[in-house]
Protein backbone atom coordinates (compact mmCIF):
# COMPACT_ATOMS: atom_id res chain seq x y z
CA UNK A 1 94.97 243.52 130.06
CA UNK A 2 97.89 242.70 132.19
CA UNK A 3 96.15 243.49 135.13
CA UNK A 4 95.50 240.25 137.27
CA UNK A 5 94.99 242.02 140.87
CA UNK A 6 92.14 244.34 140.53
CA UNK A 7 94.36 247.25 139.86
CA UNK A 8 92.58 249.82 137.93
CA UNK A 9 94.97 250.93 136.08
CA UNK A 10 95.16 248.85 132.81
CA UNK A 11 97.35 248.96 129.71
CA UNK A 12 95.91 248.91 126.41
CA UNK A 13 97.80 246.14 124.38
CA UNK A 14 96.20 243.59 122.08
CA UNK A 15 97.71 240.28 120.25
CA UNK A 16 99.16 238.79 122.97
CA UNK A 17 99.03 234.92 123.88
CA UNK A 18 99.46 233.74 127.26
CA UNK A 19 101.18 230.11 126.13
CA UNK A 20 103.84 231.73 124.22
CA UNK A 21 104.45 234.13 127.46
CA UNK A 22 104.93 231.45 130.09
CA UNK A 23 106.74 229.32 127.85
CA UNK A 24 108.85 231.53 125.90
CA UNK A 25 111.93 230.12 126.66
CA UNK A 26 110.68 227.33 124.58
CA UNK A 27 111.56 227.98 120.44
CA UNK A 28 109.22 225.11 119.77
CA UNK A 29 106.22 226.54 121.14
CA UNK A 30 106.52 230.25 118.86
CA UNK A 31 107.05 227.93 115.64
CA UNK A 32 103.50 227.71 115.03
CA UNK A 33 102.88 231.78 115.23
CA UNK A 34 106.03 232.93 114.33
CA UNK A 35 106.40 236.26 115.94
CA UNK A 36 108.23 239.35 114.07
CA UNK A 37 110.90 240.46 117.02
CA UNK A 38 111.85 243.50 118.34
CA UNK A 39 109.89 246.46 117.75
CA UNK A 40 110.10 250.25 118.78
CA UNK A 41 107.68 253.30 119.49
CA UNK A 42 106.79 255.77 117.23
CA UNK A 43 109.21 258.42 118.88
CA UNK A 44 111.95 256.02 118.33
CA UNK A 45 110.75 255.50 114.69
CA UNK A 46 111.16 259.50 114.33
CA UNK A 47 114.28 259.36 115.56
CA UNK A 48 115.71 256.69 113.17
CA UNK A 49 114.02 257.58 110.24
CA UNK A 50 116.55 261.13 110.32
CA UNK A 51 118.83 262.87 112.73
CA UNK A 52 116.52 264.36 115.56
CA UNK A 53 118.36 267.83 115.58
CA UNK A 54 118.05 267.97 111.58
CA UNK A 55 115.07 269.29 109.95
CA UNK A 56 113.36 267.75 106.76
CA UNK A 57 111.68 269.98 104.35
CA UNK A 58 109.34 270.04 101.20
CA UNK A 59 110.89 271.83 99.18
CA UNK A 60 108.48 273.75 96.34
CA UNK A 61 109.84 274.93 93.09
CA UNK A 62 107.35 278.10 92.00
CA UNK A 63 107.91 277.57 88.01
CA UNK A 64 107.74 279.62 85.29
CA UNK A 65 104.29 280.09 83.33
CA UNK A 66 104.21 278.72 79.81
CA UNK A 67 103.41 282.58 78.89
CA UNK A 68 105.84 284.72 80.63
CA UNK A 69 108.30 285.96 77.83
CA UNK A 70 110.59 289.21 79.60
CA UNK A 71 114.23 288.01 80.10
CA UNK A 72 113.25 288.77 84.20
CA UNK A 73 111.14 286.30 84.52
CA UNK A 74 113.28 283.55 82.30
CA UNK A 75 115.60 282.93 85.56
CA UNK A 76 113.16 279.66 86.68
CA UNK A 77 112.67 276.55 85.28
CA UNK A 78 109.37 275.84 83.30
CA UNK A 79 106.77 273.15 84.82
CA UNK A 80 108.14 270.19 83.53
CA UNK A 81 111.75 271.45 84.40
CA UNK A 82 110.36 271.98 88.59
CA UNK A 83 109.17 268.47 88.43
CA UNK A 84 112.40 267.40 87.58
CA UNK A 85 114.20 269.46 90.15
CA UNK A 86 113.25 267.08 92.71
CA UNK A 87 114.13 263.90 93.42
CA UNK A 88 110.88 262.16 94.19
CA UNK A 89 107.49 263.38 95.16
CA UNK A 90 107.82 262.69 98.60
CA UNK A 91 111.74 263.57 99.00
CA UNK A 92 112.55 266.15 101.70
CA UNK A 93 115.39 268.04 101.87
CA UNK A 94 118.23 268.01 104.84
CA UNK A 95 120.24 271.39 105.00
CA UNK A 96 122.55 269.62 107.10
CA UNK A 97 123.63 267.34 104.84
CA UNK A 98 122.79 269.17 101.46
CA UNK A 99 120.97 266.15 100.68
CA UNK A 100 117.24 264.43 100.69
CA UNK A 101 115.57 261.41 102.43
CA UNK A 102 113.07 259.68 101.29
CA UNK A 103 110.09 258.96 103.30
CA UNK A 104 106.88 257.20 101.83
CA UNK A 105 103.68 256.20 104.49
CA UNK A 106 100.62 255.27 104.70
CA UNK A 107 97.83 252.04 104.89
CA UNK A 108 97.90 248.96 102.62
CA UNK A 109 97.08 245.21 103.65
CA UNK A 110 99.51 244.14 100.52
CA UNK A 111 103.59 244.85 100.92
CA UNK A 112 105.84 246.74 98.70
CA UNK A 113 107.52 244.48 96.30
CA UNK A 114 110.40 243.19 98.35
CA UNK A 115 113.85 243.50 97.06
CA UNK A 116 115.15 240.22 99.33
CA UNK A 117 113.53 237.71 101.74
CA UNK A 118 112.69 239.25 104.65
CA UNK A 119 111.92 236.79 107.59
CA UNK A 120 109.42 237.21 111.18
CA UNK A 121 107.31 239.19 109.03
CA UNK A 122 104.16 240.34 111.26
CA UNK A 123 100.57 238.21 111.12
CA UNK A 124 99.31 239.72 107.68
CA UNK A 125 95.79 238.76 108.77
CA UNK A 126 96.16 240.75 112.21
CA UNK A 127 97.16 243.87 110.53
CA UNK A 128 94.62 243.68 107.64
CA UNK A 129 92.25 243.68 110.50
CA UNK A 130 93.31 247.44 112.17
CA UNK A 131 93.52 250.38 109.50
CA UNK A 132 95.72 251.53 112.43
CA UNK A 133 96.52 251.58 116.05
CA UNK A 134 95.84 255.31 116.77
CA UNK A 135 93.17 257.93 115.72
CA UNK A 136 89.45 258.81 116.42
CA UNK A 137 87.14 256.50 113.84
CA UNK A 138 90.08 253.74 113.42
CA UNK A 139 88.77 251.38 115.43
CA UNK A 140 85.07 250.45 116.04
CA UNK A 141 85.87 248.47 118.94
CA UNK A 142 87.60 251.23 120.65
CA UNK A 143 91.55 251.50 120.92
CA UNK A 144 92.97 248.46 121.58
CA UNK A 145 96.73 249.56 121.89
CA UNK A 146 98.44 252.41 123.16
CA UNK A 147 100.22 252.78 120.15
CA UNK A 148 102.06 251.57 116.97
CA UNK A 149 104.97 249.26 117.42
CA UNK A 150 106.92 249.29 114.67
CA UNK A 151 109.25 246.63 113.40
CA UNK A 152 112.18 247.90 110.91
CA UNK A 153 113.12 245.74 107.92
CA UNK A 154 116.80 247.10 106.82
CA UNK A 155 117.15 247.45 103.20
CA UNK A 156 114.10 245.66 101.80
CA UNK A 157 112.50 247.64 99.39
CA UNK A 158 114.21 248.75 96.02
CA UNK A 159 113.26 252.22 95.51
CA UNK A 160 113.02 251.43 91.85
CA UNK A 161 109.76 249.27 92.22
CA UNK A 162 107.90 251.97 94.02
CA UNK A 163 104.75 253.13 92.67
CA UNK A 164 106.48 256.16 91.52
CA UNK A 165 109.64 255.16 91.21
CA UNK A 166 113.15 256.78 92.44
CA UNK A 167 116.13 256.04 89.58
CA UNK A 168 119.33 257.00 91.56
CA UNK A 169 121.36 258.56 88.01
CA UNK A 170 124.10 255.76 88.12
CA UNK A 171 120.93 253.07 88.06
CA UNK A 172 122.45 251.76 90.87
CA UNK A 173 119.68 249.97 93.18
CA UNK A 174 118.78 252.11 96.20
CA UNK A 175 117.60 250.44 98.86
CA UNK A 176 114.72 251.62 101.63
CA UNK A 177 114.26 250.22 105.01
CA UNK A 178 110.88 249.34 105.52
CA UNK A 179 108.73 249.66 108.94
CA UNK A 180 105.72 247.63 109.21
CA UNK A 181 103.14 248.02 112.76
CA UNK A 182 102.52 244.45 113.74
CA UNK A 183 98.97 245.50 114.57
CA UNK A 184 97.77 247.68 112.19
CA UNK A 185 97.83 248.23 108.36
CA UNK A 186 100.13 251.61 108.75
CA UNK A 187 103.84 251.48 106.67
CA UNK A 188 106.61 253.52 106.28
CA UNK A 189 109.29 253.35 103.83
CA UNK A 190 112.98 255.66 104.95
CA UNK A 191 116.25 255.31 102.29
CA UNK A 192 119.54 257.20 103.53
CA UNK A 193 120.12 260.67 102.56
CA UNK A 194 120.47 260.72 98.85
CA UNK A 195 123.60 263.17 98.38
CA UNK A 196 122.99 266.39 97.09
CA UNK A 197 125.55 267.48 93.66
CA UNK A 198 127.50 269.03 96.02
CA UNK A 199 129.13 267.19 99.01
CA UNK A 200 127.87 268.07 102.49
CA UNK A 201 131.39 268.64 103.42
CA UNK A 202 132.57 270.97 100.77
CA UNK A 203 129.24 272.92 100.92
CA UNK A 204 130.28 272.81 104.64
CA UNK A 205 133.57 274.01 104.11
CA UNK A 206 132.64 276.85 101.37
CA UNK A 207 130.23 278.39 103.70
CA UNK A 208 132.40 277.97 106.93
CA UNK A 209 135.04 279.70 104.59
CA UNK A 210 133.10 282.68 103.62
CA UNK A 211 132.02 283.16 107.32
CA UNK A 212 135.26 283.18 108.93
CA UNK A 213 136.66 285.87 106.20
CA UNK A 214 133.68 288.26 105.61
CA UNK A 215 134.99 291.21 102.98
CA UNK A 216 135.26 294.20 104.99
CA UNK A 217 131.66 295.31 103.60
CA UNK A 218 129.59 292.31 104.55
CA UNK A 219 128.51 290.48 107.75
CA UNK A 220 129.55 286.93 109.03
CA UNK A 221 126.06 285.88 107.33
CA UNK A 222 125.70 288.68 104.47
CA UNK A 223 129.15 287.20 103.43
CA UNK A 224 127.62 283.50 102.88
CA UNK A 225 124.06 284.99 101.21
CA UNK A 226 125.93 287.19 98.93
CA UNK A 227 128.26 283.57 97.83
CA UNK A 228 125.78 280.79 97.67
CA UNK A 229 123.27 283.89 95.79
CA UNK A 230 126.59 284.08 92.91
CA UNK A 231 126.35 280.30 92.71
CA UNK A 232 123.04 280.86 92.23
CA UNK A 233 122.79 283.77 89.97
CA UNK A 234 125.92 281.65 87.62
CA UNK A 235 123.76 278.69 87.37
CA UNK A 236 120.31 280.66 86.07
CA UNK A 237 122.74 282.10 83.61
CA UNK A 238 123.67 278.88 82.47
CA UNK A 239 119.99 277.29 81.98
CA UNK A 240 117.99 280.24 81.31
CA UNK A 241 120.29 282.89 79.65
CA UNK A 242 122.76 280.20 77.96
CA UNK A 243 125.24 282.67 79.18
CA UNK A 244 128.37 280.27 77.63
CA UNK A 245 131.26 283.13 77.97
CA UNK A 246 133.61 282.33 80.51
CA UNK A 247 134.16 283.24 84.17
CA UNK A 248 137.68 285.03 84.63
CA UNK A 249 138.37 283.74 88.28
CA UNK A 250 140.89 286.74 88.31
CA UNK A 251 137.80 289.63 88.23
CA UNK A 252 137.00 291.67 91.45
CA UNK A 253 133.97 290.49 91.55
CA UNK A 254 134.32 287.16 91.02
CA UNK A 255 137.16 287.43 94.31
CA UNK A 256 135.22 289.73 96.66
CA UNK A 257 132.17 287.17 96.45
CA UNK A 258 133.59 283.59 95.76
CA UNK A 259 136.93 284.14 96.13
CA UNK A 260 139.60 281.49 94.53
CA UNK A 261 140.96 278.43 96.75
CA UNK A 262 140.45 274.83 96.39
CA UNK A 263 137.44 274.55 97.83
CA UNK A 264 135.94 277.11 95.17
CA UNK A 265 137.38 274.80 92.66
CA UNK A 266 136.23 271.73 93.94
CA UNK A 267 132.92 273.07 93.58
CA UNK A 268 132.60 274.56 90.44
CA UNK A 269 134.58 271.04 88.75
CA UNK A 270 131.37 269.53 90.59
CA UNK A 271 129.32 271.59 88.86
CA UNK A 272 130.66 270.73 84.88
CA UNK A 273 132.76 274.02 84.95
CA UNK A 274 136.32 273.59 84.98
CA UNK A 275 139.40 275.99 85.55
CA UNK A 276 140.86 276.80 82.42
CA UNK A 277 143.94 278.25 82.79
CA UNK A 278 144.96 280.90 80.23
CA UNK A 279 147.77 283.43 81.73
CA UNK A 280 149.73 284.70 84.66
CA UNK A 281 148.53 287.53 86.08
CA UNK A 282 148.75 290.12 88.92
CA UNK A 283 145.22 291.37 90.06
CA UNK A 284 144.99 294.41 92.12
CA UNK A 285 143.42 292.72 95.45
CA UNK A 286 145.64 289.88 95.06
CA UNK A 287 149.24 289.91 96.40
CA UNK A 288 150.89 288.26 93.90
CA UNK A 289 150.87 286.90 90.70
CA UNK A 290 148.47 284.34 89.94
CA UNK A 291 147.01 281.74 87.02
CA UNK A 292 144.69 283.91 84.94
CA UNK A 293 142.21 281.46 85.23
CA UNK A 294 138.47 281.05 83.43
CA UNK A 295 135.58 278.53 83.94
CA UNK A 296 134.30 276.96 81.45
CA UNK A 297 130.65 276.80 81.39
CA UNK A 298 129.63 273.54 80.55
CA UNK A 299 127.24 271.90 77.32
CA UNK A 300 123.84 271.57 78.35
CA UNK A 301 122.04 270.72 74.87
CA UNK A 302 118.99 268.41 76.04
CA UNK A 303 119.59 267.02 72.82
CA UNK A 304 122.65 265.22 73.60
CA UNK A 305 122.80 262.40 76.17
CA UNK A 306 125.92 264.64 78.29
CA UNK A 307 124.24 267.43 77.36
CA UNK A 308 120.71 266.34 78.93
CA UNK A 309 122.81 264.80 82.11
CA UNK A 310 124.53 267.77 83.22
CA UNK A 311 121.67 269.92 82.69
CA UNK A 312 119.82 267.85 85.43
CA UNK A 313 122.58 268.05 87.41
CA UNK A 314 122.65 272.01 86.73
CA UNK A 315 118.91 271.39 87.47
CA UNK A 316 119.29 269.76 91.03
CA UNK A 317 122.07 272.06 92.26
CA UNK A 318 120.32 275.26 91.81
CA UNK A 319 117.43 273.98 93.32
CA UNK A 320 119.45 272.69 96.28
CA UNK A 321 121.20 275.75 96.96
CA UNK A 322 117.87 277.34 96.16
CA UNK A 323 116.52 275.45 98.85
CA UNK A 324 119.61 276.09 101.40
CA UNK A 325 119.20 279.69 101.48
CA UNK A 326 115.29 279.71 101.88
CA UNK A 327 116.28 277.96 105.25
CA UNK A 328 119.65 279.62 106.04
CA UNK A 329 118.05 283.38 106.01
CA UNK A 330 115.79 282.41 108.97
CA UNK A 331 118.78 281.53 110.97
CA UNK A 332 120.38 283.81 113.39
CA UNK A 333 122.63 286.56 112.11
CA UNK A 334 122.82 290.17 110.82
CA UNK A 335 123.15 290.55 107.44
CA UNK A 336 124.04 293.89 107.34
CA UNK A 337 124.09 296.25 104.30
CA UNK A 338 123.58 293.19 101.98
CA UNK A 339 119.94 292.90 100.34
CA UNK A 340 119.21 289.31 99.46
CA UNK A 341 117.77 288.25 95.68
CA UNK A 342 114.70 286.95 94.99
CA UNK A 343 114.45 282.87 95.15
CA UNK A 344 111.91 280.71 93.44
CA UNK A 345 112.08 278.13 96.10
CA UNK A 346 110.41 277.32 99.19
CA UNK A 347 111.10 274.98 102.10
CA UNK A 348 108.15 273.80 104.33
CA UNK A 349 109.23 272.49 107.85
CA UNK A 350 107.61 268.17 107.70
CA UNK A 351 109.04 267.14 111.02
CA UNK A 352 105.00 267.65 112.48
CA UNK A 353 103.59 265.81 109.18
CA UNK A 354 105.40 262.68 109.50
CA UNK A 355 105.81 262.71 112.98
CA UNK A 356 102.09 262.76 113.54
CA UNK A 357 101.64 259.84 110.27
CA UNK A 358 103.41 257.68 112.46
CA UNK A 359 102.10 258.59 116.00
CA UNK A 360 104.60 260.33 117.31
CA UNK A 361 103.16 263.42 117.34
CA UNK A 362 103.47 265.80 120.47
CA UNK A 363 99.41 265.27 120.54
CA UNK A 364 99.54 261.36 119.98
CA UNK A 365 102.10 261.10 122.65
CA UNK A 366 103.16 263.85 124.91
CA UNK A 367 106.26 264.86 126.12
CA UNK A 368 108.62 266.01 128.99
CA UNK A 369 107.16 263.77 131.89
CA UNK A 370 109.81 262.35 132.44
CA UNK A 371 111.91 263.81 135.60
CA UNK A 372 114.60 265.86 134.62
CA UNK A 373 117.06 263.75 136.57
CA UNK A 374 116.64 261.00 134.65
CA UNK A 375 116.37 262.68 131.43
CA UNK A 376 120.01 262.33 130.22
CA UNK A 377 120.53 259.63 132.46
CA UNK A 378 123.59 258.04 130.23
CA UNK A 379 123.23 254.35 132.62
CA UNK A 380 119.59 254.07 131.15
CA UNK A 381 120.08 254.80 126.99
CA UNK A 382 120.53 251.44 126.59
CA UNK A 383 117.46 249.90 128.51
CA UNK A 384 114.79 253.16 126.78
CA UNK A 385 116.34 251.96 123.44
CA UNK A 386 116.35 247.76 124.28
CA UNK A 387 112.52 248.75 124.83
CA UNK A 388 112.10 250.89 122.02
CA UNK A 389 111.59 253.94 123.02
CA UNK A 390 112.62 257.36 123.85
CA UNK A 391 112.97 258.57 127.44
CA UNK A 392 111.79 262.12 126.46
CA UNK A 393 107.95 259.89 125.21
CA UNK A 394 108.12 258.43 129.16
CA UNK A 395 104.71 257.62 130.51
CA UNK A 396 103.90 254.99 132.97
CA UNK A 397 101.36 253.70 130.45
CA UNK A 398 103.78 254.08 127.41
CA UNK A 399 106.79 252.10 129.06
CA UNK A 400 104.40 249.06 130.25
CA UNK A 401 103.10 248.78 126.58
CA UNK A 402 106.65 249.24 125.22
CA UNK A 403 107.47 246.37 127.52
CA UNK A 404 104.67 244.16 127.37
CA UNK A 405 105.37 244.93 123.29
CA UNK A 406 108.68 243.82 123.44
CA UNK A 407 107.59 240.64 124.90
CA UNK A 408 104.80 239.77 122.96
CA UNK A 409 106.93 240.44 119.59
CA UNK A 410 110.13 238.86 120.80
CA UNK A 411 109.04 236.17 123.38
CA UNK A 412 113.09 234.44 123.93
CA UNK A 413 114.19 237.45 124.76
CA UNK A 414 112.19 238.37 127.79
CA UNK A 415 114.64 238.49 130.31
CA UNK A 416 116.55 241.39 128.67
CA UNK A 417 113.21 243.09 128.70
CA UNK A 418 112.32 242.58 132.12
CA UNK A 419 116.03 243.59 133.01
CA UNK A 420 115.46 246.71 131.77
CA UNK A 421 111.68 247.49 132.13
CA UNK A 422 112.99 246.81 136.15
CA UNK A 423 116.17 249.12 135.64
CA UNK A 424 113.66 251.71 134.46
CA UNK A 425 111.23 251.45 136.91
CA UNK A 426 113.95 251.47 139.99
CA UNK A 427 115.61 254.31 138.79
CA UNK A 428 111.96 256.03 138.79
CA UNK A 429 111.48 254.89 142.43
CA UNK A 430 115.36 255.93 143.27
CA UNK A 431 114.14 259.83 142.37
CA UNK A 432 111.12 258.98 144.18
CA UNK A 433 109.12 259.18 141.11
CA UNK A 434 107.52 255.28 141.36
CA UNK A 435 104.24 254.65 139.43
CA UNK A 436 102.50 252.37 141.22
CA UNK A 437 100.72 250.60 138.63
CA UNK A 438 104.40 249.78 137.09
CA UNK A 439 105.32 248.47 140.56
CA UNK A 440 102.56 246.52 140.28
CA UNK A 441 103.30 245.07 136.71
CA UNK A 442 106.82 243.55 137.69
CA UNK A 443 105.05 242.25 141.04
CA UNK A 444 102.18 240.29 138.85
CA UNK A 445 105.06 239.64 136.13
CA UNK A 446 107.35 238.31 138.93
CA UNK A 447 104.27 236.10 139.55
CA UNK A 448 104.67 234.29 136.53
CA UNK A 449 108.46 233.37 136.90
CA UNK A 450 109.89 236.66 134.97
CA UNK A 451 113.41 237.33 136.07
CA UNK A 452 116.14 239.72 135.29
CA UNK A 453 120.11 238.86 134.55
CA UNK A 454 120.77 240.12 138.07
CA UNK A 455 118.33 237.10 139.09
CA UNK A 456 120.10 234.77 137.13
CA UNK A 457 123.30 235.13 138.25
CA UNK A 458 121.88 235.27 142.50
CA UNK A 459 121.00 231.69 141.39
CA UNK A 460 123.33 230.02 139.61
CA UNK A 461 125.84 231.25 143.04
CA UNK A 462 122.88 229.85 144.69
CA UNK A 463 123.31 226.65 143.91
CA UNK A 464 127.02 227.22 144.29
CA UNK A 465 128.21 226.94 140.69
CA UNK A 466 131.11 229.97 139.98
CA UNK A 467 134.74 229.54 140.56
CA UNK A 468 134.40 231.54 143.35
CA UNK A 469 131.13 229.55 145.00
CA UNK A 470 130.60 226.95 146.68
CA UNK A 471 131.12 224.15 143.98
CA UNK A 472 134.04 226.06 142.28
CA UNK A 473 133.09 224.45 138.72
CA UNK A 474 130.91 225.57 136.38
CA UNK A 475 127.41 224.17 136.10
CA UNK A 476 127.15 221.84 132.88
CA UNK A 477 124.34 219.00 132.64
CA UNK A 478 121.41 218.56 134.37
CA UNK A 479 122.12 216.11 136.59
CA UNK A 480 124.49 218.27 137.75
CA UNK A 481 122.31 221.53 138.49
CA UNK A 482 119.97 218.64 139.98
CA UNK A 483 122.22 217.41 142.43
CA UNK A 484 123.54 220.54 143.70
CA UNK A 485 119.79 221.78 144.23
CA UNK A 486 119.13 218.70 146.00
CA UNK A 487 122.04 218.89 147.81
CA UNK A 488 121.36 222.42 149.07
CA UNK A 489 117.78 221.81 149.96
CA UNK A 490 118.78 218.84 152.13
CA UNK A 491 120.97 221.33 153.74
CA UNK A 492 117.86 223.57 154.65
CA UNK A 493 116.76 221.31 157.20
CA UNK A 494 119.07 222.18 159.78
CA UNK A 495 118.20 225.74 159.98
CA UNK A 496 115.04 225.49 161.13
CA UNK A 497 113.81 229.13 161.14
CA UNK A 498 115.39 230.07 158.05
CA UNK A 499 115.08 226.61 156.37
CA UNK A 500 111.76 227.36 154.59
CA UNK A 501 112.97 230.66 153.32
CA UNK A 502 115.85 229.50 151.78
CA UNK A 503 114.07 226.44 149.61
CA UNK A 504 111.49 228.63 148.51
CA UNK A 505 114.34 230.92 147.00
CA UNK A 506 116.15 227.47 145.83
CA UNK A 507 112.80 226.47 144.17
CA UNK A 508 112.49 229.75 142.59
CA UNK A 509 116.60 229.60 141.48
CA UNK A 510 115.94 226.47 140.39
CA UNK A 511 113.37 227.84 137.77
CA UNK A 512 115.25 230.27 136.13
CA UNK A 513 117.47 227.60 135.46
CA UNK A 514 115.60 225.51 134.03
CA UNK A 515 113.37 228.30 131.13
CA UNK A 516 117.39 229.62 130.81
CA UNK A 517 118.48 226.24 129.65
CA UNK A 518 114.97 225.58 128.23
CA UNK A 519 115.34 221.85 130.11
CA UNK A 520 112.44 219.72 130.47
CA UNK A 521 114.20 217.69 132.95
CA UNK A 522 114.39 220.93 135.57
CA UNK A 523 111.02 221.78 134.36
CA UNK A 524 109.70 218.71 135.72
CA UNK A 525 111.53 218.78 139.10
CA UNK A 526 110.98 222.29 139.65
CA UNK A 527 107.25 221.27 138.94
CA UNK A 528 107.30 218.64 141.87
CA UNK A 529 108.50 220.87 144.29
CA UNK A 530 107.32 223.94 143.85
CA UNK A 531 104.19 223.47 146.06
CA UNK A 532 106.02 221.35 148.65
CA UNK A 533 108.91 223.57 150.72
CA UNK A 534 108.60 220.48 152.86
CA UNK A 535 109.62 217.87 150.98
CA UNK A 536 113.11 216.60 150.81
CA UNK A 537 114.02 215.48 147.49
């Protein structure tokens, strides 16, 4: 526990090494006990998994029963096709991107097969000792860490090597980011967005067009629903009714629901329906002569490689459009007199599920405790992220834990973390929300010779370095630093009133520079002088 001053407020954190932390500036000290580097708390990991403004959904396909025979019941996949429609059992659909994200989590002391050499992995023995940092019954000696401390290893796992492999259709490697908690066996693997059959920019353009230009008998939302459901019907007829007739795009019904422009053409080409020109015609609802185009349905015979590939693509597009419609139905907007069709897919929001698994659920980490004045304060954005936090998840204990966990896992950058920590605490004090435990932590850390970047600049200036300061030169070399420090100390004897205080400040400045430069010569001089402010060296 950090409090050595008798303060009753303590922060639950384990795995610290006092010798390493006091000698943070010396890389040789850390070679015998490597640390994994900077980490993050669960709420930031939740934001890293996927855009926090976008929901992810578990998609369930209602497969056709084998005994079902009526034609009206055939517009649904078989059980085998239902399994093929979803990219992976642990894939989740994003309607905004019309794509999927793989998220796999669990507890294991064995790492997944790594696709590359990964350095600075957390200590395996420590991780193996605890199943999870959080949760009742997980730890026989009570919870010793306030929460998880996650470490990211980008593009470290090949999806083809998962226990349930995921293979991209081109068989190119799909690399996942690996996240490990440094204090327990929890892990999480996350992909980037796996694009859907229809790219999201094309998907959005079509949706926007239908919303912006509804037919006279449709509301904007009804126009969007009717258009995408028409696409769905075309796919269902090809997949399960073996509809092979061409689709004339100039027919009034086609024009009413879908229209014809480059975006519509693009979508059908992506689905494998090429537009074939037959003749030039003028239709009643079109103001000029247009090409009499027909969409030619693709070959989906699974007995041929091409047909098998196209059928799989149409099945994926079918489930993506169905999932998008299931989600869109819940959005705001009036359908007017439009009656939507039955969809054989449902979508369930999984945000709370994966948040709970990684320790980021509001039940595990409360939200909304940061003063409103600081919630959207841009000047602190970098400070929060550097400490591995989100401002919405602030509590005094979590902020103290985040700071100490970063120093524990990335000791060489201790001044950076102390600087950011002090910035946040100072801002809290500025709005009258100073937390005594955090202020006490800063006091205790300064007794351990922690310093901020501002302290470093002040120390350099105090010794007279810099073009605008007394010596008029940039400091370089231990001898020059020591000479400047000794000369400055000698000058303090001419000021009996403030000389003692100035010598203490000069000693502190020497310690800061010694730590920054990792110079034993400077450290030794400081060590001899720290208790003897009356000695003129």
